[in-house]
Amino acid sequence: MGRLSNISGRETVKILSKIGYQQVRQEGSHMILYNPKPGFPILSIPDHKEIAPGLLRAQIKRAGLSVEDFLKLKKG
């Protein structure tokens, strides 16, 4: 399993945009992401310099990705 440290909220949004998620609004310090494809949940990503690995792992799973797939999207 890959390493999920030192990933910011903004970087997470950029990575998730590669699978169709779009930032639709920001509520306080949380960015709300929506994927227009059916079957994808709305995600709330904190706009922090570094997201806790457990929270990030949970959001990756909700987006329908594995950690390995997420890290592959990050690299390329």
C-alpha atoms as a PDB file:
ATOM      1  CA  MET A   1       0.000   0.000   0.000  1.00  0.00           C
ATOM      2  CA  GLY A   2       1.233   3.465  -0.822  1.00  0.00           C
ATOM      3  CA  ARG A   3       2.068   6.325   1.461  1.00  0.00           C
ATOM      4  CA  LEU A   4      -0.637   8.942   2.049  1.00  0.00           C
ATOM      5  CA  SER A   5       1.252  11.632   3.897  1.00  0.00           C
ATOM      6  CA  ASN A   6       1.872  15.249   2.993  1.00  0.00           C
ATOM      7  CA  ILE A   7      -1.081  15.559   0.615  1.00  0.00           C
ATOM      8  CA  SER A   8      -2.967  18.851   0.850  1.00  0.00           C
ATOM      9  CA  GLY A   9      -6.672  19.371   0.341  1.00  0.00           C
ATOM     10  CA  ARG A  10      -6.080  21.314  -2.882  1.00  0.00           C
ATOM     11  CA  GLU A  11      -3.854  18.561  -4.269  1.00  0.00           C
ATOM     12  CA  THR A  12      -6.527  15.993  -3.378  1.00  0.00           C
ATOM     13  CA  VAL A  13      -9.131  18.002  -5.316  1.00  0.00           C
ATOM     14  CA  LYS A  14      -6.828  18.121  -8.366  1.00  0.00           C
ATOM     15  CA  ILE A  15      -6.324  14.357  -8.240  1.00  0.00           C
ATOM     16  CA  LEU A  16     -10.040  13.619  -7.823  1.00  0.00           C
ATOM     17  CA  SER A  17     -10.849  15.943 -10.728  1.00  0.00           C
ATOM     18  CA  LYS A  18      -9.094  13.410 -12.974  1.00  0.00           C
ATOM     19  CA  ILE A  19     -11.966  10.960 -12.361  1.00  0.00           C
ATOM     20  CA  GLY A  20     -14.695  13.551 -12.892  1.00  0.00           C
ATOM     21  CA  TYR A  21     -15.131  15.304  -9.540  1.00  0.00           C
ATOM     22  CA  GLN A  22     -15.672  19.067  -9.629  1.00  0.00           C
ATOM     23  CA  GLN A  23     -15.502  21.555  -6.799  1.00  0.00           C
ATOM     24  CA  VAL A  24     -18.970  23.115  -6.647  1.00  0.00           C
ATOM     25  CA  ARG A  25     -18.590  25.290  -3.553  1.00  0.00           C
ATOM     26  CA  GLN A  26     -16.655  25.866  -0.363  1.00  0.00           C
ATOM     27  CA  GLU A  27     -18.263  25.888   3.066  1.00  0.00           C
ATOM     28  CA  GLY A  28     -15.873  27.289   5.626  1.00  0.00           C
ATOM     29  CA  SER A  29     -12.653  25.333   5.319  1.00  0.00           C
ATOM     30  CA  HIS A  30     -14.218  22.410   3.400  1.00  0.00           C
ATOM     31  CA  MET A  31     -14.370  22.054  -0.377  1.00  0.00           C
ATOM     32  CA  ILE A  32     -17.493  20.284  -1.605  1.00  0.00           C
ATOM     33  CA  LEU A  33     -16.936  18.019  -4.626  1.00  0.00           C
ATOM     34  CA  TYR A  34     -19.590  16.644  -6.945  1.00  0.00           C
ATOM     35  CA  ASN A  35     -19.296  14.026  -9.671  1.00  0.00           C
ATOM     36  CA  PRO A  36     -22.069  14.269 -12.295  1.00  0.00           C
ATOM     37  CA  LYS A  37     -21.764  10.560 -13.114  1.00  0.00           C
ATOM     38  CA  PRO A  38     -24.444   8.469 -11.378  1.00  0.00           C
ATOM     39  CA  GLY A  39     -23.390   6.455  -8.357  1.00  0.00           C
ATOM     40  CA  PHE A  40     -20.691   8.800  -7.063  1.00  0.00           C
ATOM     41  CA  PRO A  41     -21.261  10.441  -3.648  1.00  0.00           C
ATOM     42  CA  ILE A  42     -20.667  14.095  -2.806  1.00  0.00           C
ATOM     43  CA  LEU A  43     -17.327  14.499  -1.021  1.00  0.00           C
ATOM     44  CA  SER A  44     -16.213  17.069   1.542  1.00  0.00           C
ATOM     45  CA  ILE A  45     -12.452  17.672   1.487  1.00  0.00           C
ATOM     46  CA  PRO A  46     -10.858  19.952   4.117  1.00  0.00           C
ATOM     47  CA  ASP A  47      -8.794  22.813   2.722  1.00  0.00           C
ATOM     48  CA  HIS A  48      -5.788  22.070   4.946  1.00  0.00           C
ATOM     49  CA  LYS A  49      -2.085  22.017   4.164  1.00  0.00           C
ATOM     50  CA  GLU A  50      -2.019  18.331   5.074  1.00  0.00           C
ATOM     51  CA  ILE A  51      -4.953  15.941   5.384  1.00  0.00           C
ATOM     52  CA  ALA A  52      -4.836  13.196   7.991  1.00  0.00           C
ATOM     53  CA  PRO A  53      -4.111   9.852   6.289  1.00  0.00           C
ATOM     54  CA  GLY A  54      -7.160   8.120   7.807  1.00  0.00           C
ATOM     55  CA  LEU A  55      -9.554  10.814   6.576  1.00  0.00           C
ATOM     56  CA  LEU A  56      -7.938  10.839   3.146  1.00  0.00           C
ATOM     57  CA  ARG A  57      -8.149   7.052   2.917  1.00  0.00           C
ATOM     58  CA  ALA A  58     -11.871   7.183   3.780  1.00  0.00           C
ATOM     59  CA  GLN A  59     -12.565   9.826   1.103  1.00  0.00           C
ATOM     60  CA  ILE A  60     -10.599   7.839  -1.489  1.00  0.00           C
ATOM     61  CA  LYS A  61     -12.706   4.775  -0.686  1.00  0.00           C
ATOM     62  CA  ARG A  62     -15.953   6.793  -0.945  1.00  0.00           C
ATOM     63  CA  ALA A  63     -14.800   8.013  -4.377  1.00  0.00           C
ATOM     64  CA  GLY A  64     -14.557   4.387  -5.512  1.00  0.00           C
ATOM     65  CA  LEU A  65     -10.772   4.246  -5.736  1.00  0.00           C
ATOM     66  CA  SER A  66      -8.110   2.170  -4.064  1.00  0.00           C
ATOM     67  CA  VAL A  67      -5.139   3.891  -2.461  1.00  0.00           C
ATOM     68  CA  GLU A  68      -2.915   2.497  -5.226  1.00  0.00           C
ATOM     69  CA  ASP A  69      -5.185   3.941  -7.941  1.00  0.00           C
ATOM     70  CA  PHE A  70      -5.197   7.308  -6.171  1.00  0.00           C
ATOM     71  CA  LEU A  71      -1.398   7.377  -5.989  1.00  0.00           C
ATOM     72  CA  LYS A  72      -1.151   6.412  -9.685  1.00  0.00           C
ATOM     73  CA  LEU A  73      -3.398   9.384 -10.541  1.00  0.00           C
ATOM     74  CA  LYS A  74      -1.166  11.578  -8.382  1.00  0.00           C
ATOM     75  CA  LYS A  75       1.956  10.552 -10.297  1.00  0.00           C
ATOM     76  CA  GLY A  76       0.548  10.923 -13.770  1.00  0.00           C
END
